[in-house]
N, C-alpha and C. Protein backbone atom coordinates (compact mmCIF):
# COMPACT_ATOMS: atom_id res chain seq x y z
N GLY A 1 12.49 -77.02 -60.15
CA GLY A 1 11.76 -77.43 -61.08
C GLY A 1 10.45 -78.39 -60.18
N GLU A 2 10.20 -79.45 -60.78
CA GLU A 2 9.30 -80.44 -60.20
C GLU A 2 9.42 -80.10 -58.91
N HIS A 3 10.08 -80.94 -58.23
CA HIS A 3 9.84 -81.41 -56.84
C HIS A 3 9.52 -80.03 -55.97
N ASP A 4 10.43 -78.58 -56.40
CA ASP A 4 9.80 -77.51 -55.54
C ASP A 4 8.22 -77.43 -55.68
N SER A 5 7.79 -77.63 -56.95
CA SER A 5 6.42 -77.25 -57.34
C SER A 5 5.37 -78.32 -55.93
N SER A 6 6.11 -79.79 -56.17
CA SER A 6 5.10 -80.84 -55.25
C SER A 6 5.44 -80.27 -54.01
N VAL A 7 6.86 -80.04 -53.54
CA VAL A 7 6.84 -79.56 -52.13
C VAL A 7 5.89 -78.55 -51.72
N SER A 8 5.85 -77.36 -52.44
CA SER A 8 4.68 -76.28 -52.61
C SER A 8 3.40 -76.79 -52.24
N ARG A 9 3.39 -77.64 -53.42
CA ARG A 9 1.80 -78.45 -52.75
C ARG A 9 1.09 -78.84 -51.70
N ARG A 10 2.54 -79.78 -50.89
CA ARG A 10 2.22 -80.78 -50.13
C ARG A 10 2.24 -79.37 -49.06
N HIS A 11 3.01 -78.16 -49.00
CA HIS A 11 3.48 -77.63 -47.69
C HIS A 11 1.88 -76.88 -48.16
N SER A 12 1.26 -76.45 -48.81
CA SER A 12 0.24 -76.23 -48.81
C SER A 12 -1.12 -76.52 -48.37
N VAL A 13 -1.26 -77.75 -49.01
CA VAL A 13 -2.03 -78.73 -47.94
C VAL A 13 -2.12 -78.96 -46.59
N ASP A 14 -0.88 -78.98 -46.16
CA ASP A 14 -0.30 -79.31 -44.75
C ASP A 14 -1.43 -78.25 -44.01
N GLU A 15 -1.01 -77.01 -44.34
CA GLU A 15 -1.37 -75.29 -44.15
C GLU A 15 -2.91 -75.66 -43.80
N HIS A 16 -3.38 -75.91 -44.91
CA HIS A 16 -4.83 -75.83 -44.82
C HIS A 16 -5.45 -77.43 -43.84
N ASP A 17 -4.86 -78.31 -43.91
CA ASP A 17 -5.19 -79.44 -43.25
C ASP A 17 -5.13 -78.79 -41.54
N PHE A 18 -3.55 -78.27 -41.28
CA PHE A 18 -3.65 -77.78 -40.38
C PHE A 18 -4.88 -76.47 -39.51
N ASN A 19 -5.18 -75.78 -40.52
CA ASN A 19 -6.02 -74.86 -40.63
C ASN A 19 -7.54 -75.83 -40.29
N VAL A 20 -8.13 -76.18 -41.05
CA VAL A 20 -9.30 -77.12 -40.40
C VAL A 20 -9.12 -78.00 -39.22
N SER A 21 -7.98 -78.64 -38.77
CA SER A 21 -8.09 -79.52 -37.60
C SER A 21 -8.10 -78.14 -36.23
N ARG A 22 -7.07 -76.87 -36.94
CA ARG A 22 -7.51 -75.76 -35.36
C ARG A 22 -8.79 -75.69 -35.04
N ALA A 23 -9.52 -75.48 -36.61
CA ALA A 23 -10.90 -74.71 -36.66
C ALA A 23 -11.66 -76.07 -35.83
N GLU A 24 -11.67 -77.41 -35.80
CA GLU A 24 -12.36 -78.22 -35.70
C GLU A 24 -12.17 -78.65 -34.05
N ARG A 25 -10.59 -78.17 -33.21
CA ARG A 25 -10.49 -78.48 -32.49
C ARG A 25 -11.48 -77.38 -31.21
N ARG A 26 -12.04 -75.94 -32.06
CA ARG A 26 -12.64 -75.09 -31.30
C ARG A 26 -14.05 -75.83 -31.03
N PHE A 27 -14.05 -76.76 -31.69
CA PHE A 27 -15.75 -77.18 -31.72
C PHE A 27 -15.90 -78.73 -29.81
N ARG A 28 -14.41 -79.09 -30.35
CA ARG A 28 -14.54 -80.34 -28.93
C ARG A 28 -15.34 -79.73 -27.74
N PRO A 29 -14.98 -79.02 -27.17
CA PRO A 29 -15.47 -78.10 -26.20
C PRO A 29 -17.17 -78.16 -25.96
N LEU A 30 -17.78 -77.25 -27.65
CA LEU A 30 -19.23 -77.36 -27.80
C LEU A 30 -19.50 -78.91 -27.52
N MET A 31 -19.08 -79.97 -28.03
CA MET A 31 -19.37 -81.05 -28.05
C MET A 31 -20.00 -81.80 -26.91
N ILE A 32 -19.18 -81.21 -25.98
CA ILE A 32 -19.45 -81.79 -24.60
C ILE A 32 -20.34 -80.88 -24.49
N VAL A 33 -21.05 -79.54 -24.42
CA VAL A 33 -22.25 -79.16 -24.40
C VAL A 33 -23.71 -79.79 -24.65
N ALA A 34 -23.32 -79.82 -26.24
CA ALA A 34 -23.91 -80.74 -26.91
C ALA A 34 -24.61 -81.59 -27.06
N SER A 35 -23.26 -82.74 -26.13
CA SER A 35 -24.08 -83.96 -25.72
C SER A 35 -24.66 -84.02 -23.94
N ALA A 36 -24.39 -82.75 -23.38
CA ALA A 36 -25.17 -82.92 -22.46
C ALA A 36 -26.05 -82.48 -22.92
N ALA A 37 -26.92 -81.76 -23.65
CA ALA A 37 -28.07 -81.53 -23.67
C ALA A 37 -29.00 -82.62 -24.57
N VAL A 38 -28.00 -83.28 -25.26
CA VAL A 38 -28.99 -84.66 -25.90
C VAL A 38 -29.04 -85.16 -24.91
N ALA A 39 -28.19 -85.76 -23.90
CA ALA A 39 -28.22 -86.42 -22.73
C ALA A 39 -29.73 -85.81 -21.50
N PHE A 40 -29.57 -84.78 -21.79
CA PHE A 40 -30.92 -84.02 -20.95
C PHE A 40 -32.06 -84.60 -21.66
N GLY A 41 -32.18 -84.35 -22.94
CA GLY A 41 -33.31 -84.70 -23.81
C GLY A 41 -33.48 -86.19 -23.19
N HIS A 42 -32.69 -86.86 -23.15
CA HIS A 42 -32.93 -88.09 -23.84
C HIS A 42 -33.74 -88.58 -22.25
N GLY A 43 -33.23 -87.93 -21.67
CA GLY A 43 -33.72 -88.10 -20.05
C GLY A 43 -35.35 -87.55 -20.15
N SER A 44 -35.80 -86.78 -20.52
CA SER A 44 -36.80 -85.90 -19.95
C SER A 44 -37.80 -86.62 -21.33
N ASN A 45 -37.56 -86.76 -22.40
CA ASN A 45 -38.42 -87.18 -23.62
C ASN A 45 -38.29 -89.23 -23.63
N ASP A 46 -37.43 -89.93 -23.36
CA ASP A 46 -37.59 -91.37 -23.75
C ASP A 46 -37.57 -91.89 -22.33
N VAL A 47 -37.12 -91.34 -21.53
CA VAL A 47 -37.93 -91.98 -20.07
C VAL A 47 -39.11 -92.18 -20.18
N ALA A 48 -40.09 -91.07 -20.46
CA ALA A 48 -41.29 -90.71 -20.34
C ALA A 48 -42.23 -91.89 -21.30
N ASN A 49 -41.51 -91.81 -22.49
CA ASN A 49 -41.80 -92.87 -23.54
C ASN A 49 -41.85 -94.43 -23.11
N ALA A 50 -40.98 -94.70 -22.30
CA ALA A 50 -40.56 -95.88 -21.64
C ALA A 50 -41.23 -96.23 -20.89
N ILE A 51 -41.60 -95.52 -19.53
CA ILE A 51 -42.30 -95.90 -18.18
C ILE A 51 -43.97 -95.14 -18.31
N GLY A 52 -44.31 -94.46 -19.63
CA GLY A 52 -45.67 -94.18 -19.74
C GLY A 52 -46.60 -95.31 -19.64
N PRO A 53 -46.35 -96.37 -20.61
CA PRO A 53 -47.04 -97.75 -20.67
C PRO A 53 -47.56 -98.41 -19.31
N PHE A 54 -46.13 -98.86 -18.62
CA PHE A 54 -45.83 -99.29 -17.56
C PHE A 54 -46.79 -98.60 -16.39
N ALA A 55 -46.79 -97.64 -16.01
CA ALA A 55 -46.83 -96.45 -15.23
C ALA A 55 -49.01 -96.63 -15.54
N ALA A 56 -49.37 -96.69 -17.01
CA ALA A 56 -50.86 -96.61 -17.10
C ALA A 56 -51.41 -98.05 -16.48
N VAL A 57 -50.42 -99.16 -16.80
CA VAL A 57 -50.45 -100.78 -16.33
C VAL A 57 -50.32 -100.92 -14.90
N VAL A 58 -49.52 -100.14 -14.08
CA VAL A 58 -49.69 -99.76 -12.55
C VAL A 58 -50.88 -98.75 -12.00
N GLU A 59 -51.53 -97.92 -12.82
CA GLU A 59 -52.36 -97.42 -12.35
C GLU A 59 -53.51 -97.91 -12.42
N PHE A 60 -53.83 -98.71 -14.04
CA PHE A 60 -54.71 -99.64 -14.00
C PHE A 60 -54.98 -100.46 -13.06
N ALA A 61 -54.01 -101.58 -12.42
CA ALA A 61 -53.83 -102.51 -11.75
C ALA A 61 -54.00 -101.79 -10.42
N GLN A 62 -54.00 -100.79 -9.93
CA GLN A 62 -54.20 -100.31 -8.22
C GLN A 62 -55.67 -99.58 -8.57
N GLN A 63 -56.03 -99.08 -9.53
CA GLN A 63 -56.86 -98.68 -9.16
C GLN A 63 -57.92 -98.35 -10.26
N GLY A 64 -58.13 -99.70 -11.24
CA GLY A 64 -59.32 -100.16 -11.97
C GLY A 64 -59.70 -98.75 -13.22
N THR A 65 -58.68 -97.86 -12.98
CA THR A 65 -58.83 -97.22 -14.33
C THR A 65 -58.01 -96.42 -14.50
N VAL A 66 -57.58 -95.62 -15.90
CA VAL A 66 -56.61 -94.84 -16.06
C VAL A 66 -56.70 -93.85 -16.19
N GLY A 67 -56.11 -92.59 -16.02
CA GLY A 67 -56.71 -91.19 -16.49
C GLY A 67 -56.00 -90.49 -16.95
N GLU A 68 -56.44 -89.55 -17.87
CA GLU A 68 -55.48 -89.03 -18.94
C GLU A 68 -53.80 -88.14 -17.73
N ARG A 69 -53.74 -88.13 -16.84
CA ARG A 69 -53.09 -87.78 -16.13
C ARG A 69 -52.91 -88.25 -14.84
N THR A 70 -51.35 -88.67 -14.33
CA THR A 70 -51.40 -89.74 -13.16
C THR A 70 -50.52 -89.01 -12.47
N ASN A 71 -50.41 -89.26 -10.54
CA ASN A 71 -49.39 -88.96 -10.18
C ASN A 71 -48.58 -90.18 -10.31
N LEU A 72 -47.37 -89.61 -10.58
CA LEU A 72 -46.51 -91.02 -11.08
C LEU A 72 -45.77 -92.08 -9.84
N PRO A 73 -45.13 -93.05 -9.29
CA PRO A 73 -44.67 -93.32 -8.07
C PRO A 73 -43.47 -92.73 -8.47
N PHE A 74 -42.10 -92.26 -7.80
CA PHE A 74 -40.64 -92.22 -7.86
C PHE A 74 -40.10 -93.79 -8.15
N TRP A 75 -40.93 -94.57 -7.85
CA TRP A 75 -40.38 -96.07 -8.25
C TRP A 75 -40.37 -96.74 -9.24
N ILE A 76 -41.23 -95.71 -10.53
CA ILE A 76 -41.79 -96.37 -11.48
C ILE A 76 -40.33 -95.18 -12.47
N LEU A 77 -40.20 -93.84 -12.23
CA LEU A 77 -39.10 -93.08 -12.80
C LEU A 77 -38.05 -93.64 -12.32
N LEU A 78 -37.67 -93.92 -11.07
CA LEU A 78 -36.25 -94.45 -11.13
C LEU A 78 -36.05 -96.01 -11.54
N MET A 79 -37.35 -96.57 -12.06
CA MET A 79 -36.92 -97.95 -12.81
C MET A 79 -36.84 -97.41 -13.94
N GLY A 80 -37.31 -96.34 -14.78
CA GLY A 80 -37.13 -96.10 -16.39
C GLY A 80 -35.49 -95.58 -16.42
N GLY A 81 -35.24 -95.08 -15.40
CA GLY A 81 -33.70 -94.35 -15.28
C GLY A 81 -32.90 -95.56 -15.66
N VAL A 82 -32.83 -96.36 -14.87
CA VAL A 82 -32.07 -97.73 -14.60
C VAL A 82 -32.55 -98.48 -15.76
N GLY A 83 -33.34 -98.77 -16.13
CA GLY A 83 -33.39 -99.46 -17.18
C GLY A 83 -32.67 -98.71 -18.83
N ILE A 84 -32.42 -97.46 -18.66
CA ILE A 84 -31.99 -96.69 -19.82
C ILE A 84 -30.49 -97.18 -19.47
N VAL A 85 -30.16 -96.69 -18.32
CA VAL A 85 -28.94 -96.99 -18.17
C VAL A 85 -28.40 -98.46 -17.99
N ILE A 86 -28.82 -99.51 -18.09
CA ILE A 86 -28.73 -100.69 -18.00
C ILE A 86 -28.60 -100.73 -19.62
N GLY A 87 -29.57 -100.24 -20.57
CA GLY A 87 -29.24 -100.46 -21.86
C GLY A 87 -28.38 -99.58 -22.73
N LEU A 88 -28.07 -98.43 -21.74
CA LEU A 88 -26.82 -98.07 -22.51
C LEU A 88 -25.30 -98.85 -22.16
N PHE A 89 -25.13 -99.23 -20.90
CA PHE A 89 -24.20 -99.78 -20.65
C PHE A 89 -23.82 -101.26 -21.56
N THR A 90 -25.22 -101.89 -21.77
CA THR A 90 -25.03 -103.27 -22.69
C THR A 90 -25.08 -103.35 -23.94
N LEU A 91 -25.87 -102.43 -24.83
CA LEU A 91 -25.61 -102.08 -26.06
C LEU A 91 -25.39 -100.91 -26.68
N GLY A 92 -25.56 -100.16 -25.39
CA GLY A 92 -25.22 -98.42 -25.87
C GLY A 92 -24.46 -98.46 -27.13
N TYR A 93 -23.26 -99.01 -26.86
CA TYR A 93 -21.87 -98.78 -27.72
C TYR A 93 -21.66 -99.10 -29.02
N LYS A 94 -23.08 -100.18 -29.28
CA LYS A 94 -23.44 -100.97 -30.53
C LYS A 94 -24.19 -99.76 -31.64
N VAL A 95 -24.91 -98.89 -30.86
CA VAL A 95 -25.63 -97.79 -31.17
C VAL A 95 -24.86 -96.52 -31.43
N VAL A 96 -23.65 -96.57 -31.11
CA VAL A 96 -22.86 -95.31 -30.54
C VAL A 96 -21.96 -95.28 -31.63
N GLU A 97 -21.43 -96.62 -32.23
CA GLU A 97 -20.81 -97.24 -32.91
C GLU A 97 -21.50 -96.97 -34.66
N THR A 98 -22.91 -97.47 -34.71
CA THR A 98 -23.22 -97.37 -35.82
C THR A 98 -23.90 -95.77 -36.14
N VAL A 99 -24.10 -95.10 -35.20
CA VAL A 99 -24.55 -93.45 -35.37
C VAL A 99 -23.15 -92.79 -35.54
N GLY A 100 -22.26 -93.11 -34.60
CA GLY A 100 -21.14 -92.20 -34.76
C GLY A 100 -20.30 -92.23 -36.20
N SER A 101 -19.97 -93.50 -36.58
CA SER A 101 -19.18 -93.92 -37.84
C SER A 101 -20.16 -94.43 -39.11
N LYS A 102 -20.75 -95.06 -39.02
CA LYS A 102 -20.82 -96.02 -39.95
C LYS A 102 -22.30 -95.39 -41.10
N ILE A 103 -22.63 -94.03 -40.34
CA ILE A 103 -23.74 -93.37 -41.22
C ILE A 103 -22.85 -92.25 -42.34
N THR A 104 -22.12 -91.40 -41.63
CA THR A 104 -21.08 -90.90 -42.26
C THR A 104 -19.93 -90.25 -41.51
N ARG A 105 -19.38 -90.03 -42.11
CA ARG A 105 -17.94 -89.40 -41.41
C ARG A 105 -18.23 -88.07 -40.46
N LEU A 106 -17.79 -87.77 -39.23
CA LEU A 106 -18.31 -87.01 -38.36
C LEU A 106 -16.76 -86.21 -37.85
N THR A 107 -16.97 -85.03 -38.37
CA THR A 107 -15.99 -84.12 -37.41
C THR A 107 -16.56 -83.43 -36.72
N PHE A 108 -15.72 -82.75 -35.60
CA PHE A 108 -16.29 -82.04 -34.43
C PHE A 108 -17.40 -80.86 -34.58
N SER A 109 -17.02 -80.25 -35.90
CA SER A 109 -18.30 -79.51 -36.23
C SER A 109 -19.37 -80.24 -36.38
N LYS A 110 -19.13 -81.25 -37.83
CA LYS A 110 -20.40 -82.32 -38.24
C LYS A 110 -21.55 -82.25 -36.92
N GLY A 111 -20.52 -83.30 -35.49
CA GLY A 111 -21.25 -83.66 -34.39
C GLY A 111 -21.94 -82.65 -33.61
N PHE A 112 -21.23 -81.46 -34.12
CA PHE A 112 -22.10 -80.52 -33.12
C PHE A 112 -22.99 -80.18 -33.73
N ALA A 113 -23.31 -80.05 -34.49
CA ALA A 113 -25.07 -79.60 -35.29
C ALA A 113 -25.56 -80.60 -35.21
N ALA A 114 -24.96 -82.03 -35.23
CA ALA A 114 -25.96 -82.82 -35.75
C ALA A 114 -26.56 -83.08 -33.84
N GLN A 115 -25.83 -82.91 -32.94
CA GLN A 115 -26.34 -83.03 -31.75
C GLN A 115 -27.36 -81.81 -31.44
N LEU A 116 -26.67 -80.32 -31.57
CA LEU A 116 -27.61 -79.50 -31.31
C LEU A 116 -28.74 -79.35 -32.02
N GLY A 117 -28.52 -80.01 -33.04
CA GLY A 117 -30.04 -79.95 -33.88
C GLY A 117 -31.09 -81.18 -33.11
N ALA A 118 -30.61 -81.95 -33.13
CA ALA A 118 -31.26 -83.22 -32.14
C ALA A 118 -31.49 -83.09 -30.87
N SER A 119 -30.72 -82.26 -30.26
CA SER A 119 -31.23 -81.60 -28.51
C SER A 119 -32.57 -80.84 -28.72
N THR A 120 -32.23 -79.71 -29.41
CA THR A 120 -33.53 -78.69 -30.38
C THR A 120 -34.45 -79.26 -30.26
N SER A 121 -34.45 -80.49 -30.99
CA SER A 121 -35.93 -80.62 -31.32
C SER A 121 -36.35 -82.05 -30.16
N VAL A 122 -35.52 -82.31 -29.59
CA VAL A 122 -36.24 -83.24 -28.31
C VAL A 122 -36.67 -82.30 -27.54
N ILE A 123 -35.64 -81.15 -27.04
CA ILE A 123 -36.22 -80.73 -25.91
C ILE A 123 -37.81 -79.72 -26.36
N VAL A 124 -37.37 -79.72 -27.49
CA VAL A 124 -38.61 -78.89 -27.61
C VAL A 124 -39.75 -79.57 -27.82
N ALA A 125 -39.80 -80.73 -28.23
CA ALA A 125 -41.01 -81.80 -28.61
C ALA A 125 -41.63 -82.14 -27.06
N THR A 126 -40.06 -82.24 -26.48
CA THR A 126 -41.03 -82.24 -24.92
C THR A 126 -41.73 -81.52 -24.39
N LEU A 127 -41.42 -80.16 -24.46
CA LEU A 127 -41.95 -79.13 -24.13
C LEU A 127 -43.84 -79.09 -24.66
N PHE A 128 -43.62 -79.22 -25.46
CA PHE A 128 -45.32 -79.52 -26.18
C PHE A 128 -45.47 -80.98 -25.90
N GLY A 129 -45.11 -81.58 -25.33
CA GLY A 129 -45.62 -83.41 -25.00
C GLY A 129 -45.36 -84.36 -25.81
N PHE A 130 -45.13 -83.52 -27.08
CA PHE A 130 -44.75 -85.20 -28.02
C PHE A 130 -43.65 -86.01 -27.74
N PRO A 131 -44.30 -87.18 -27.97
CA PRO A 131 -42.95 -88.36 -27.73
C PRO A 131 -42.35 -89.00 -28.74
N ILE A 132 -41.16 -88.69 -28.93
CA ILE A 132 -40.45 -88.58 -29.83
C ILE A 132 -39.05 -89.74 -29.75
N SER A 133 -37.96 -89.84 -30.55
CA SER A 133 -37.06 -90.95 -29.94
C SER A 133 -36.01 -89.46 -30.44
N THR A 134 -35.14 -90.06 -28.87
CA THR A 134 -33.96 -88.98 -29.17
C THR A 134 -32.93 -89.74 -30.15
N THR A 135 -33.11 -91.20 -30.60
CA THR A 135 -31.80 -91.72 -31.63
C THR A 135 -32.18 -91.38 -33.03
N SER A 136 -33.67 -91.29 -33.05
CA SER A 136 -34.34 -90.65 -34.44
C SER A 136 -34.18 -89.31 -34.87
N CYS A 137 -33.48 -88.45 -33.50
CA CYS A 137 -33.59 -87.22 -33.98
C CYS A 137 -31.70 -86.95 -34.55
N ILE A 138 -31.02 -87.77 -33.82
CA ILE A 138 -29.83 -87.90 -33.94
C ILE A 138 -28.97 -88.57 -35.11
N VAL A 139 -29.78 -89.77 -35.62
CA VAL A 139 -29.87 -90.23 -36.69
C VAL A 139 -30.25 -89.17 -37.75
N GLY A 140 -30.56 -88.71 -37.51
CA GLY A 140 -31.53 -87.57 -38.48
C GLY A 140 -30.64 -86.16 -38.99
N GLY A 141 -30.43 -86.27 -37.71
CA GLY A 141 -28.77 -84.62 -37.99
C GLY A 141 -27.91 -85.19 -38.58
N ILE A 142 -27.29 -86.47 -38.12
CA ILE A 142 -26.10 -86.98 -38.88
C ILE A 142 -26.62 -86.79 -40.61
N THR A 143 -27.39 -87.27 -40.52
CA THR A 143 -28.04 -87.82 -42.07
C THR A 143 -27.59 -86.60 -42.61
N GLY A 144 -28.64 -85.60 -42.25
CA GLY A 144 -28.31 -84.19 -42.34
C GLY A 144 -26.79 -83.17 -42.88
N VAL A 145 -26.20 -83.63 -41.86
CA VAL A 145 -24.51 -83.42 -42.10
C VAL A 145 -24.21 -84.03 -43.23
N GLY A 146 -24.47 -85.20 -43.43
CA GLY A 146 -23.83 -86.14 -44.65
C GLY A 146 -24.23 -85.95 -45.46
N LEU A 147 -25.25 -85.36 -45.89
CA LEU A 147 -25.67 -85.01 -46.95
C LEU A 147 -25.54 -83.72 -47.49
N VAL A 148 -24.85 -82.95 -46.87
CA VAL A 148 -24.47 -81.58 -47.38
C VAL A 148 -22.68 -81.59 -46.95
N ARG A 149 -22.17 -82.51 -46.84
CA ARG A 149 -21.28 -83.43 -47.07
C ARG A 149 -20.91 -83.23 -48.56
């Protein structure tokens, strides 16, 4: 009677949860690819955003003028990359914690969708020379998947 229907309902829920987690597991390797794409976009755009003003100051100090385009010394690029790495190691965990869990509950598929959208936006903007924020793009992607939830 009642016990049998309860077991039956529990079994169907467990079966459904198993299928969902099995589907979600397929997104794990895709998350790694999407994360790598976000990292690539972050390096291609945010480093330029961070070092652009500094490079202009260095050029002005050395040449007394700032051109539209400049030959960027390698040490400035290196300094920008090291600065981002230091920022990620010191305060990055707080950003990851907030973006990864405090905006909406993420699954592998939702995280993949958010990161795919963010990395595509950042890389396309970089190709067109638009300075945008990778973090803002990721927050927008996570907000988007949270809204469809």
